[in-house]
Amino acid sequence: APDDLLFMAQHTERLVAVHLNDAVKGVPVPEQRDMQRRLPLEDG
């Protein structure tokens, strides 16, 4: 959902760091695993 993105884009003075990565394609959100991620844009 885009709400957080809209907020942070309007309050970039509060951004300290941004970690860029991708989730695993075909895995529902509740089943995504913290240690299993993809490189940014890898799975889309």
PDB file of all heavy atoms in Angstrom:
ATOM      1  N   ALA A   1       0.843  -1.204   0.000  1.00  0.00           N
ATOM      2  CA  ALA A   1       0.000   0.000   0.000  1.00  0.00           C
ATOM      3  C   ALA A   1       0.874   1.249   0.000  1.00  0.00           C
ATOM      4  O   ALA A   1       1.901   1.288   0.681  1.00  0.00           O
ATOM      5  CB  ALA A   1      -0.925  -0.006   1.207  1.00  0.00           C
ATOM      6  N   PRO A   2       0.487   2.288  -0.732  1.00  0.00           N
ATOM      7  CA  PRO A   2       1.377   3.432  -0.937  1.00  0.00           C
ATOM      8  C   PRO A   2       1.393   4.474   0.166  1.00  0.00           C
ATOM      9  O   PRO A   2       2.190   5.417   0.093  1.00  0.00           O
ATOM     10  CB  PRO A   2       0.829   4.048  -2.230  1.00  0.00           C
ATOM     11  CG  PRO A   2      -0.636   3.747  -2.184  1.00  0.00           C
ATOM     12  CD  PRO A   2      -0.728   2.378  -1.558  1.00  0.00           C
ATOM     13  N   ASP A   3       0.570   4.332   1.184  1.00  0.00           N
ATOM     14  CA  ASP A   3       0.436   5.404   2.179  1.00  0.00           C
ATOM     15  C   ASP A   3       1.782   5.809   2.787  1.00  0.00           C
ATOM     16  O   ASP A   3       2.091   7.008   2.892  1.00  0.00           O
ATOM     17  CB  ASP A   3      -0.515   4.967   3.302  1.00  0.00           C
ATOM     18  CG  ASP A   3      -1.861   4.516   2.791  1.00  0.00           C
ATOM     19  OD1 ASP A   3      -1.882   3.639   1.910  1.00  0.00           O
ATOM     20  OD2 ASP A   3      -2.893   5.026   3.271  1.00  0.00           O
ATOM     21  N   ASP A   4       2.570   4.824   3.213  1.00  0.00           N
ATOM     22  CA  ASP A   4       3.862   5.132   3.842  1.00  0.00           C
ATOM     23  C   ASP A   4       4.787   5.856   2.876  1.00  0.00           C
ATOM     24  O   ASP A   4       5.558   6.741   3.272  1.00  0.00           O
ATOM     25  CB  ASP A   4       4.538   3.858   4.331  1.00  0.00           C
ATOM     26  CG  ASP A   4       3.818   3.219   5.506  1.00  0.00           C
ATOM     27  OD1 ASP A   4       2.872   3.837   6.029  1.00  0.00           O
ATOM     28  OD2 ASP A   4       4.211   2.107   5.892  1.00  0.00           O
ATOM     29  N   LEU A   5       4.748   5.466   1.603  1.00  0.00           N
ATOM     30  CA  LEU A   5       5.597   6.114   0.604  1.00  0.00           C
ATOM     31  C   LEU A   5       5.205   7.576   0.442  1.00  0.00           C
ATOM     32  O   LEU A   5       6.066   8.454   0.328  1.00  0.00           O
ATOM     33  CB  LEU A   5       5.482   5.397  -0.746  1.00  0.00           C
ATOM     34  CG  LEU A   5       5.775   3.897  -0.757  1.00  0.00           C
ATOM     35  CD1 LEU A   5       5.649   3.368  -2.185  1.00  0.00           C
ATOM     36  CD2 LEU A   5       7.157   3.606  -0.190  1.00  0.00           C
ATOM     37  N   LEU A   6       3.906   7.837   0.429  1.00  0.00           N
ATOM     38  CA  LEU A   6       3.427   9.208   0.304  1.00  0.00           C
ATOM     39  C   LEU A   6       3.883  10.042   1.490  1.00  0.00           C
ATOM     40  O   LEU A   6       4.317  11.193   1.339  1.00  0.00           O
ATOM     41  CB  LEU A   6       1.898   9.224   0.199  1.00  0.00           C
ATOM     42  CG  LEU A   6       1.296   8.557  -1.044  1.00  0.00           C
ATOM     43  CD1 LEU A   6      -0.223   8.458  -0.911  1.00  0.00           C
ATOM     44  CD2 LEU A   6       1.668   9.330  -2.302  1.00  0.00           C
ATOM     45  N   PHE A   7       3.805   9.450   2.676  1.00  0.00           N
ATOM     46  CA  PHE A   7       4.226  10.180   3.875  1.00  0.00           C
ATOM     47  C   PHE A   7       5.717  10.483   3.836  1.00  0.00           C
ATOM     48  O   PHE A   7       6.137  11.627   4.056  1.00  0.00           O
ATOM     49  CB  PHE A   7       3.885   9.385   5.137  1.00  0.00           C
ATOM     50  CG  PHE A   7       4.349  10.069   6.400  1.00  0.00           C
ATOM     51  CD1 PHE A   7       3.529  10.983   7.041  1.00  0.00           C
ATOM     52  CD2 PHE A   7       5.605   9.814   6.925  1.00  0.00           C
ATOM     53  CE1 PHE A   7       3.960  11.636   8.193  1.00  0.00           C
ATOM     54  CE2 PHE A   7       6.055  10.456   8.071  1.00  0.00           C
ATOM     55  CZ  PHE A   7       5.226  11.371   8.714  1.00  0.00           C
ATOM     56  N   MET A   8       6.533   9.456   3.570  1.00  0.00           N
ATOM     57  CA  MET A   8       7.984   9.659   3.618  1.00  0.00           C
ATOM     58  C   MET A   8       8.448  10.598   2.523  1.00  0.00           C
ATOM     59  O   MET A   8       9.398  11.364   2.716  1.00  0.00           O
ATOM     60  CB  MET A   8       8.717   8.325   3.506  1.00  0.00           C
ATOM     61  CG  MET A   8       8.609   7.414   4.708  1.00  0.00           C
ATOM     62  SD  MET A   8       8.981   8.153   6.331  1.00  0.00           S
ATOM     63  CE  MET A   8      10.499   9.036   6.062  1.00  0.00           C
ATOM     64  N   ALA A   9       7.798  10.566   1.370  1.00  0.00           N
ATOM     65  CA  ALA A   9       8.177  11.484   0.293  1.00  0.00           C
ATOM     66  C   ALA A   9       7.923  12.933   0.694  1.00  0.00           C
ATOM     67  O   ALA A   9       8.598  13.852   0.194  1.00  0.00           O
ATOM     68  CB  ALA A   9       7.410  11.143  -0.981  1.00  0.00           C
ATOM     69  N   GLN A  10       6.959  13.148   1.597  1.00  0.00           N
ATOM     70  CA  GLN A  10       6.674  14.494   2.078  1.00  0.00           C
ATOM     71  C   GLN A  10       7.479  14.867   3.319  1.00  0.00           C
ATOM     72  O   GLN A  10       7.471  16.041   3.732  1.00  0.00           O
ATOM     73  CB  GLN A  10       5.172  14.623   2.398  1.00  0.00           C
ATOM     74  CG  GLN A  10       4.263  14.455   1.190  1.00  0.00           C
ATOM     75  CD  GLN A  10       4.510  15.514   0.130  1.00  0.00           C
ATOM     76  OE1 GLN A  10       4.652  16.687   0.449  1.00  0.00           O
ATOM     77  NE2 GLN A  10       4.587  15.085  -1.120  1.00  0.00           N
ATOM     78  N   HIS A  11       8.157  13.880   3.896  1.00  0.00           N
ATOM     79  CA  HIS A  11       8.912  14.120   5.128  1.00  0.00           C
ATOM     80  C   HIS A  11      10.314  13.507   5.015  1.00  0.00           C
ATOM     81  O   HIS A  11      10.766  12.795   5.910  1.00  0.00           O
ATOM     82  CB  HIS A  11       8.161  13.529   6.327  1.00  0.00           C
ATOM     83  CG  HIS A  11       6.827  14.161   6.569  1.00  0.00           C
ATOM     84  ND1 HIS A  11       6.666  15.351   7.248  1.00  0.00           N
ATOM     85  CD2 HIS A  11       5.585  13.784   6.165  1.00  0.00           C
ATOM     86  CE1 HIS A  11       5.390  15.667   7.287  1.00  0.00           C
ATOM     87  NE2 HIS A  11       4.709  14.741   6.642  1.00  0.00           N
ATOM     88  N   THR A  12      10.981  13.795   3.921  1.00  0.00           N
ATOM     89  CA  THR A  12      12.310  13.200   3.698  1.00  0.00           C
ATOM     90  C   THR A  12      13.343  13.687   4.700  1.00  0.00           C
ATOM     91  O   THR A  12      14.402  13.071   4.846  1.00  0.00           O
ATOM     92  CB  THR A  12      12.806  13.488   2.272  1.00  0.00           C
ATOM     93  OG1 THR A  12      12.796  14.905   2.044  1.00  0.00           O
ATOM     94  CG2 THR A  12      11.937  12.791   1.241  1.00  0.00           C
ATOM     95  N   GLU A  13      13.042  14.775   5.407  1.00  0.00           N
ATOM     96  CA  GLU A  13      13.980  15.229   6.448  1.00  0.00           C
ATOM     97  C   GLU A  13      14.114  14.206   7.563  1.00  0.00           C
ATOM     98  O   GLU A  13      15.088  14.230   8.330  1.00  0.00           O
ATOM     99  CB  GLU A  13      13.542  16.588   7.004  1.00  0.00           C
ATOM    100  CG  GLU A  13      12.371  16.564   7.975  1.00  0.00           C
ATOM    101  CD  GLU A  13      11.003  16.410   7.305  1.00  0.00           C
ATOM    102  OE1 GLU A  13      10.944  16.446   6.059  1.00  0.00           O
ATOM    103  OE2 GLU A  13       9.993  16.253   8.030  1.00  0.00           O
ATOM    104  N   ARG A  14      13.168  13.262   7.640  1.00  0.00           N
ATOM    105  CA  ARG A  14      13.225  12.235   8.674  1.00  0.00           C
ATOM    106  C   ARG A  14      13.894  10.950   8.197  1.00  0.00           C
ATOM    107  O   ARG A  14      14.106  10.035   8.977  1.00  0.00           O
ATOM    108  CB  ARG A  14      11.815  11.931   9.190  1.00  0.00           C
ATOM    109  CG  ARG A  14      11.114  13.159   9.782  1.00  0.00           C
ATOM    110  CD  ARG A  14      10.027  12.788  10.738  1.00  0.00           C
ATOM    111  NE  ARG A  14      10.554  12.222  11.979  1.00  0.00           N
ATOM    112  CZ  ARG A  14       9.818  12.046  13.083  1.00  0.00           C
ATOM    113  NH1 ARG A  14       8.541  12.390  13.075  1.00  0.00           N
ATOM    114  NH2 ARG A  14      10.338  11.516  14.165  1.00  0.00           N
ATOM    115  N   LEU A  15      14.201  10.896   6.911  1.00  0.00           N
ATOM    116  CA  LEU A  15      14.890   9.719   6.382  1.00  0.00           C
ATOM    117  C   LEU A  15      16.359   9.733   6.791  1.00  0.00           C
ATOM    118  O   LEU A  15      17.070  10.713   6.545  1.00  0.00           O
ATOM    119  CB  LEU A  15      14.803   9.679   4.855  1.00  0.00           C
ATOM    120  CG  LEU A  15      13.584   9.038   4.213  1.00  0.00           C
ATOM    121  CD1 LEU A  15      13.668   9.195   2.695  1.00  0.00           C
ATOM    122  CD2 LEU A  15      13.459   7.569   4.590  1.00  0.00           C
ATOM    123  N   VAL A  16      16.813   8.644   7.375  1.00  0.00           N
ATOM    124  CA  VAL A  16      18.225   8.499   7.739  1.00  0.00           C
ATOM    125  C   VAL A  16      18.907   7.506   6.812  1.00  0.00           C
ATOM    126  O   VAL A  16      20.036   7.727   6.365  1.00  0.00           O
ATOM    127  CB  VAL A  16      18.369   8.047   9.202  1.00  0.00           C
ATOM    128  CG1 VAL A  16      19.821   7.775   9.563  1.00  0.00           C
ATOM    129  CG2 VAL A  16      17.782   9.108  10.135  1.00  0.00           C
ATOM    130  N   ALA A  17      18.235   6.407   6.513  1.00  0.00           N
ATOM    131  CA  ALA A  17      18.787   5.383   5.631  1.00  0.00           C
ATOM    132  C   ALA A  17      17.644   4.688   4.906  1.00  0.00           C
ATOM    133  O   ALA A  17      16.524   4.599   5.424  1.00  0.00           O
ATOM    134  CB  ALA A  17      19.602   4.363   6.424  1.00  0.00           C
ATOM    135  N   VAL A  18      17.937   4.190   3.705  1.00  0.00           N
ATOM    136  CA  VAL A  18      16.966   3.431   2.917  1.00  0.00           C
ATOM    137  C   VAL A  18      17.623   2.137   2.470  1.00  0.00           C
ATOM    138  O   VAL A  18      18.676   2.159   1.829  1.00  0.00           O
ATOM    139  CB  VAL A  18      16.480   4.235   1.690  1.00  0.00           C
ATOM    140  CG1 VAL A  18      15.486   3.405   0.887  1.00  0.00           C
ATOM    141  CG2 VAL A  18      15.850   5.555   2.122  1.00  0.00           C
ATOM    142  N   HIS A  19      17.017   1.008   2.845  1.00  0.00           N
ATOM    143  CA  HIS A  19      17.500  -0.317   2.456  1.00  0.00           C
ATOM    144  C   HIS A  19      16.686  -0.788   1.252  1.00  0.00           C
ATOM    145  O   HIS A  19      15.456  -0.898   1.342  1.00  0.00           O
ATOM    146  CB  HIS A  19      17.341  -1.317   3.600  1.00  0.00           C
ATOM    147  CG  HIS A  19      18.066  -0.919   4.852  1.00  0.00           C
ATOM    148  ND1 HIS A  19      17.807  -1.496   6.075  1.00  0.00           N
ATOM    149  CD2 HIS A  19      19.043  -0.009   5.062  1.00  0.00           C
ATOM    150  CE1 HIS A  19      18.587  -0.952   6.989  1.00  0.00           C
ATOM    151  NE2 HIS A  19      19.340  -0.045   6.397  1.00  0.00           N
ATOM    152  N   LEU A  20      17.360  -1.083   0.166  1.00  0.00           N
ATOM    153  CA  LEU A  20      16.695  -1.438  -1.091  1.00  0.00           C
ATOM    154  C   LEU A  20      16.802  -2.933  -1.345  1.00  0.00           C
ATOM    155  O   LEU A  20      17.897  -3.509  -1.303  1.00  0.00           O
ATOM    156  CB  LEU A  20      17.328  -0.654  -2.240  1.00  0.00           C
ATOM    157  CG  LEU A  20      17.259   0.877  -2.093  1.00  0.00           C
ATOM    158  CD1 LEU A  20      18.187   1.547  -3.080  1.00  0.00           C
ATOM    159  CD2 LEU A  20      15.829   1.369  -2.276  1.00  0.00           C
ATOM    160  N   ASN A  21      15.661  -3.563  -1.636  1.00  0.00           N
ATOM    161  CA  ASN A  21      15.633  -5.000  -1.863  1.00  0.00           C
ATOM    162  C   ASN A  21      14.309  -5.358  -2.535  1.00  0.00           C
ATOM    163  O   ASN A  21      13.503  -4.485  -2.844  1.00  0.00           O
ATOM    164  CB  ASN A  21      15.817  -5.760  -0.542  1.00  0.00           C
ATOM    165  CG  ASN A  21      15.119  -5.073   0.621  1.00  0.00           C
ATOM    166  OD1 ASN A  21      13.964  -4.666   0.506  1.00  0.00           O
ATOM    167  ND2 ASN A  21      15.808  -4.901   1.731  1.00  0.00           N
ATOM    168  N   ASP A  22      14.099  -6.643  -2.749  1.00  0.00           N
ATOM    169  CA  ASP A  22      12.866  -7.114  -3.383  1.00  0.00           C
ATOM    170  C   ASP A  22      12.343  -8.298  -2.590  1.00  0.00           C
ATOM    171  O   ASP A  22      13.107  -9.005  -1.908  1.00  0.00           O
ATOM    172  CB  ASP A  22      13.153  -7.530  -4.834  1.00  0.00           C
ATOM    173  CG  ASP A  22      11.903  -7.555  -5.714  1.00  0.00           C
ATOM    174  OD1 ASP A  22      10.791  -7.361  -5.191  1.00  0.00           O
ATOM    175  OD2 ASP A  22      12.053  -7.777  -6.933  1.00  0.00           O
ATOM    176  N   ALA A  23      11.040  -8.516  -2.664  1.00  0.00           N
ATOM    177  CA  ALA A  23      10.423  -9.704  -2.066  1.00  0.00           C
ATOM    178  C   ALA A  23      10.498 -10.864  -3.057  1.00  0.00           C
ATOM    179  O   ALA A  23      10.913 -10.701  -4.204  1.00  0.00           O
ATOM    180  CB  ALA A  23       8.981  -9.402  -1.678  1.00  0.00           C
ATOM    181  N   VAL A  24      10.099 -12.034  -2.601  1.00  0.00           N
ATOM    182  CA  VAL A  24      10.192 -13.245  -3.409  1.00  0.00           C
ATOM    183  C   VAL A  24       8.910 -13.434  -4.209  1.00  0.00           C
ATOM    184  O   VAL A  24       7.805 -13.475  -3.631  1.00  0.00           O
ATOM    185  CB  VAL A  24      10.455 -14.480  -2.525  1.00  0.00           C
ATOM    186  CG1 VAL A  24      10.568 -15.737  -3.386  1.00  0.00           C
ATOM    187  CG2 VAL A  24      11.730 -14.284  -1.709  1.00  0.00           C
ATOM    188  N   LYS A  25       9.048 -13.548  -5.497  1.00  0.00           N
ATOM    189  CA  LYS A  25       7.903 -13.685  -6.387  1.00  0.00           C
ATOM    190  C   LYS A  25       7.134 -14.971  -6.096  1.00  0.00           C
ATOM    191  O   LYS A  25       7.714 -16.028  -5.852  1.00  0.00           O
ATOM    192  CB  LYS A  25       8.386 -13.693  -7.840  1.00  0.00           C
ATOM    193  CG  LYS A  25       7.276 -13.666  -8.872  1.00  0.00           C
ATOM    194  CD  LYS A  25       7.858 -13.568 -10.268  1.00  0.00           C
ATOM    195  CE  LYS A  25       6.765 -13.487 -11.330  1.00  0.00           C
ATOM    196  NZ  LYS A  25       7.337 -13.359 -12.696  1.00  0.00           N
ATOM    197  N   GLY A  26       5.789 -14.877  -6.111  1.00  0.00           N
ATOM    198  CA  GLY A  26       4.939 -16.044  -5.922  1.00  0.00           C
ATOM    199  C   GLY A  26       4.682 -16.417  -4.484  1.00  0.00           C
ATOM    200  O   GLY A  26       3.937 -17.369  -4.220  1.00  0.00           O
ATOM    201  N   VAL A  27       5.278 -15.695  -3.527  1.00  0.00           N
ATOM    202  CA  VAL A  27       5.085 -15.981  -2.107  1.00  0.00           C
ATOM    203  C   VAL A  27       4.120 -14.948  -1.518  1.00  0.00           C
ATOM    204  O   VAL A  27       4.392 -13.746  -1.587  1.00  0.00           O
ATOM    205  CB  VAL A  27       6.422 -15.945  -1.340  1.00  0.00           C
ATOM    206  CG1 VAL A  27       6.197 -16.172   0.157  1.00  0.00           C
ATOM    207  CG2 VAL A  27       7.387 -16.984  -1.898  1.00  0.00           C
ATOM    208  N   PRO A  28       2.992 -15.373  -0.961  1.00  0.00           N
ATOM    209  CA  PRO A  28       2.059 -14.411  -0.364  1.00  0.00           C
ATOM    210  C   PRO A  28       2.725 -13.597   0.740  1.00  0.00           C
ATOM    211  O   PRO A  28       3.664 -14.073   1.401  1.00  0.00           O
ATOM    212  CB  PRO A  28       0.957 -15.310   0.209  1.00  0.00           C
ATOM    213  CG  PRO A  28       1.062 -16.593  -0.557  1.00  0.00           C
ATOM    214  CD  PRO A  28       2.521 -16.768  -0.859  1.00  0.00           C
ATOM    215  N   VAL A  29       2.227 -12.397   0.950  1.00  0.00           N
ATOM    216  CA  VAL A  29       2.832 -11.511   1.947  1.00  0.00           C
ATOM    217  C   VAL A  29       2.987 -12.180   3.316  1.00  0.00           C
ATOM    218  O   VAL A  29       4.065 -12.102   3.929  1.00  0.00           O
ATOM    219  CB  VAL A  29       2.015 -10.197   2.069  1.00  0.00           C
ATOM    220  CG1 VAL A  29       2.508  -9.367   3.256  1.00  0.00           C
ATOM    221  CG2 VAL A  29       2.126  -9.397   0.786  1.00  0.00           C
ATOM    222  N   PRO A  30       1.970 -12.877   3.841  1.00  0.00           N
ATOM    223  CA  PRO A  30       2.141 -13.479   5.173  1.00  0.00           C
ATOM    224  C   PRO A  30       3.210 -14.560   5.227  1.00  0.00           C
ATOM    225  O   PRO A  30       3.650 -14.930   6.322  1.00  0.00           O
ATOM    226  CB  PRO A  30       0.756 -14.071   5.469  1.00  0.00           C
ATOM    227  CG  PRO A  30      -0.188 -13.319   4.589  1.00  0.00           C
ATOM    228  CD  PRO A  30       0.592 -13.045   3.345  1.00  0.00           C
ATOM    229  N   GLU A  31       3.630 -15.065   4.070  1.00  0.00           N
ATOM    230  CA  GLU A  31       4.608 -16.147   4.048  1.00  0.00           C
ATOM    231  C   GLU A  31       6.010 -15.686   3.657  1.00  0.00           C
ATOM    232  O   GLU A  31       6.934 -16.499   3.570  1.00  0.00           O
ATOM    233  CB  GLU A  31       4.135 -17.246   3.093  1.00  0.00           C
ATOM    234  CG  GLU A  31       2.822 -17.891   3.534  1.00  0.00           C
ATOM    235  CD  GLU A  31       2.284 -18.884   2.516  1.00  0.00           C
ATOM    236  OE1 GLU A  31       3.069 -19.379   1.687  1.00  0.00           O
ATOM    237  OE2 GLU A  31       1.062 -19.148   2.539  1.00  0.00           O
ATOM    238  N   GLN A  32       6.194 -14.407   3.407  1.00  0.00           N
ATOM    239  CA  GLN A  32       7.534 -13.890   3.124  1.00  0.00           C
ATOM    240  C   GLN A  32       8.406 -14.085   4.357  1.00  0.00           C
ATOM    241  O   GLN A  32       7.965 -13.885   5.491  1.00  0.00           O
ATOM    242  CB  GLN A  32       7.465 -12.411   2.753  1.00  0.00           C
ATOM    243  CG  GLN A  32       6.752 -12.124   1.443  1.00  0.00           C
ATOM    244  CD  GLN A  32       7.612 -12.403   0.209  1.00  0.00           C
ATOM    245  OE1 GLN A  32       8.837 -12.488   0.268  1.00  0.00           O
ATOM    246  NE2 GLN A  32       6.941 -12.550  -0.936  1.00  0.00           N
ATOM    247  N   ARG A  33       9.679 -14.456   4.123  1.00  0.00           N
ATOM    248  CA  ARG A  33      10.601 -14.733   5.215  1.00  0.00           C
ATOM    249  C   ARG A  33      11.684 -13.663   5.276  1.00  0.00           C
ATOM    250  O   ARG A  33      12.238 -13.263   4.261  1.00  0.00           O
ATOM    251  CB  ARG A  33      11.237 -16.119   5.048  1.00  0.00           C
ATOM    252  CG  ARG A  33      10.224 -17.258   5.171  1.00  0.00           C
ATOM    253  CD  ARG A  33       9.684 -17.343   6.598  1.00  0.00           C
ATOM    254  NE  ARG A  33       8.646 -18.363   6.752  1.00  0.00           N
ATOM    255  CZ  ARG A  33       7.352 -18.109   6.794  1.00  0.00           C
ATOM    256  NH1 ARG A  33       6.921 -16.866   6.667  1.00  0.00           N
ATOM    257  NH2 ARG A  33       6.480 -19.072   6.959  1.00  0.00           N
ATOM    258  N   ASP A  34      11.987 -13.231   6.490  1.00  0.00           N
ATOM    259  CA  ASP A  34      12.903 -12.122   6.699  1.00  0.00           C
ATOM    260  C   ASP A  34      14.263 -12.342   6.046  1.00  0.00           C
ATOM    261  O   ASP A  34      14.829 -11.429   5.453  1.00  0.00           O
ATOM    262  CB  ASP A  34      13.085 -11.892   8.208  1.00  0.00           C
ATOM    263  CG  ASP A  34      13.919 -10.667   8.507  1.00  0.00           C
ATOM    264  OD1 ASP A  34      13.653  -9.599   7.936  1.00  0.00           O
ATOM    265  OD2 ASP A  34      14.862 -10.776   9.321  1.00  0.00           O
ATOM    266  N   MET A  35      14.788 -13.532   6.137  1.00  0.00           N
ATOM    267  CA  MET A  35      16.142 -13.801   5.633  1.00  0.00           C
ATOM    268  C   MET A  35      16.163 -14.207   4.169  1.00  0.00           C
ATOM    269  O   MET A  35      17.227 -14.457   3.601  1.00  0.00           O
ATOM    270  CB  MET A  35      16.812 -14.896   6.474  1.00  0.00           C
ATOM    271  CG  MET A  35      16.948 -14.559   7.948  1.00  0.00           C
ATOM    272  SD  MET A  35      17.885 -13.047   8.254  1.00  0.00           S
ATOM    273  CE  MET A  35      19.530 -13.570   7.761  1.00  0.00           C
ATOM    274  N   GLN A  36      15.011 -14.271   3.536  1.00  0.00           N
ATOM    275  CA  GLN A  36      14.924 -14.615   2.119  1.00  0.00           C
ATOM    276  C   GLN A  36      14.419 -13.392   1.354  1.00  0.00           C
ATOM    277  O   GLN A  36      13.227 -13.114   1.337  1.00  0.00           O
ATOM    278  CB  GLN A  36      13.993 -15.814   1.916  1.00  0.00           C
ATOM    279  CG  GLN A  36      14.490 -17.094   2.552  1.00  0.00           C
ATOM    280  CD  GLN A  36      15.743 -17.632   1.861  1.00  0.00           C
ATOM    281  OE1 GLN A  36      15.869 -17.580   0.650  1.00  0.00           O
ATOM    282  NE2 GLN A  36      16.664 -18.149   2.663  1.00  0.00           N
ATOM    283  N   ARG A  37      15.334 -12.683   0.762  1.00  0.00           N
ATOM    284  CA  ARG A  37      14.973 -11.492  -0.006  1.00  0.00           C
ATOM    285  C   ARG A  37      15.723 -11.528  -1.328  1.00  0.00           C
ATOM    286  O   ARG A  37      16.651 -12.309  -1.514  1.00  0.00           O
ATOM    287  CB  ARG A  37      15.346 -10.212   0.743  1.00  0.00           C
ATOM    288  CG  ARG A  37      14.845 -10.161   2.173  1.00  0.00           C
ATOM    289  CD  ARG A  37      15.163  -8.835   2.808  1.00  0.00           C
ATOM    290  NE  ARG A  37      15.061  -8.890   4.259  1.00  0.00           N
ATOM    291  CZ  ARG A  37      15.346  -7.890   5.066  1.00  0.00           C
ATOM    292  NH1 ARG A  37      15.735  -6.737   4.562  1.00  0.00           N
ATOM    293  NH2 ARG A  37      15.238  -8.023   6.379  1.00  0.00           N
ATOM    294  N   ARG A  38      15.351 -10.661  -2.212  1.00  0.00           N
ATOM    295  CA  ARG A  38      16.000 -10.591  -3.513  1.00  0.00           C
ATOM    296  C   ARG A  38      16.683  -9.233  -3.680  1.00  0.00           C
ATOM    297  O   ARG A  38      16.393  -8.270  -2.966  1.00  0.00           O
ATOM    298  CB  ARG A  38      14.976 -10.800  -4.632  1.00  0.00           C
ATOM    299  CG  ARG A  38      14.294 -12.169  -4.588  1.00  0.00           C
ATOM    300  CD  ARG A  38      15.288 -13.296  -4.869  1.00  0.00           C
ATOM    301  NE  ARG A  38      14.627 -14.596  -4.906  1.00  0.00           N
ATOM    302  CZ  ARG A  38      14.651 -15.481  -3.905  1.00  0.00           C
ATOM    303  NH1 ARG A  38      15.294 -15.197  -2.782  1.00  0.00           N
ATOM    304  NH2 ARG A  38      14.037 -16.649  -4.029  1.00  0.00           N
ATOM    305  N   LEU A  39      17.590  -9.177  -4.629  1.00  0.00           N
ATOM    306  CA  LEU A  39      18.204  -7.911  -4.989  1.00  0.00           C
ATOM    307  C   LEU A  39      17.144  -6.960  -5.543  1.00  0.00           C
ATOM    308  O   LEU A  39      16.130  -7.418  -6.082  1.00  0.00           O
ATOM    309  CB  LEU A  39      19.298  -8.142  -6.032  1.00  0.00           C
ATOM    310  CG  LEU A  39      20.530  -8.915  -5.538  1.00  0.00           C
ATOM    311  CD1 LEU A  39      21.348  -9.409  -6.723  1.00  0.00           C
ATOM    312  CD2 LEU A  39      21.379  -8.033  -4.631  1.00  0.00           C
ATOM    313  N   PRO A  40      17.335  -5.669  -5.408  1.00  0.00           N
ATOM    314  CA  PRO A  40      16.342  -4.732  -5.923  1.00  0.00           C
ATOM    315  C   PRO A  40      15.998  -4.993  -7.383  1.00  0.00           C
ATOM    316  O   PRO A  40      16.890  -5.206  -8.208  1.00  0.00           O
ATOM    317  CB  PRO A  40      17.044  -3.373  -5.763  1.00  0.00           C
ATOM    318  CG  PRO A  40      18.022  -3.578  -4.663  1.00  0.00           C
ATOM    319  CD  PRO A  40      18.487  -4.994  -4.786  1.00  0.00           C
ATOM    320  N   LEU A  41      14.710  -5.038  -7.693  1.00  0.00           N
ATOM    321  CA  LEU A  41      14.160  -5.243  -9.033  1.00  0.00           C
ATOM    322  C   LEU A  41      14.341  -6.670  -9.562  1.00  0.00           C
ATOM    323  O   LEU A  41      13.919  -6.965 -10.669  1.00  0.00           O
ATOM    324  CB  LEU A  41      14.771  -4.256 -10.039  1.00  0.00           C
ATOM    325  CG  LEU A  41      14.640  -2.770  -9.694  1.00  0.00           C
ATOM    326  CD1 LEU A  41      15.354  -1.924 -10.743  1.00  0.00           C
ATOM    327  CD2 LEU A  41      13.176  -2.355  -9.586  1.00  0.00           C
ATOM    328  N   GLU A  42      14.914  -7.566  -8.770  1.00  0.00           N
ATOM    329  CA  GLU A  42      15.226  -8.909  -9.266  1.00  0.00           C
ATOM    330  C   GLU A  42      13.972  -9.704  -9.599  1.00  0.00           C
ATOM    331  O   GLU A  42      13.891 -10.332 -10.656  1.00  0.00           O
ATOM    332  CB  GLU A  42      16.069  -9.670  -8.241  1.00  0.00           C
ATOM    333  CG  GLU A  42      16.503 -11.046  -8.699  1.00  0.00           C
ATOM    334  CD  GLU A  42      17.421 -11.754  -7.711  1.00  0.00           C
ATOM    335  OE1 GLU A  42      17.807 -11.140  -6.682  1.00  0.00           O
ATOM    336  OE2 GLU A  42      17.763 -12.929  -7.958  1.00  0.00           O
ATOM    337  N   ASP A  43      12.991  -9.711  -8.701  1.00  0.00           N
ATOM    338  CA  ASP A  43      11.759 -10.462  -8.939  1.00  0.00           C
ATOM    339  C   ASP A  43      10.599  -9.579  -9.377  1.00  0.00           C
ATOM    340  O   ASP A  43       9.550 -10.074  -9.789  1.00  0.00           O
ATOM    341  CB  ASP A  43      11.353 -11.235  -7.674  1.00  0.00           C
ATOM    342  CG  ASP A  43      12.063 -12.586  -7.555  1.00  0.00           C
ATOM    343  OD1 ASP A  43      13.039 -12.792  -8.302  1.00  0.00           O
ATOM    344  OD2 ASP A  43      11.647 -13.407  -6.727  1.00  0.00           O
ATOM    345  N   GLY A  44      10.763  -8.276  -9.267  1.00  0.00           N
ATOM    346  CA  GLY A  44       9.718  -7.362  -9.714  1.00  0.00           C
ATOM    347  C   GLY A  44       8.512  -7.281  -8.811  1.00  0.00           C
ATOM    348  O   GLY A  44       7.448  -6.812  -9.235  1.00  0.00           O
TER     349      GLY A  44
END
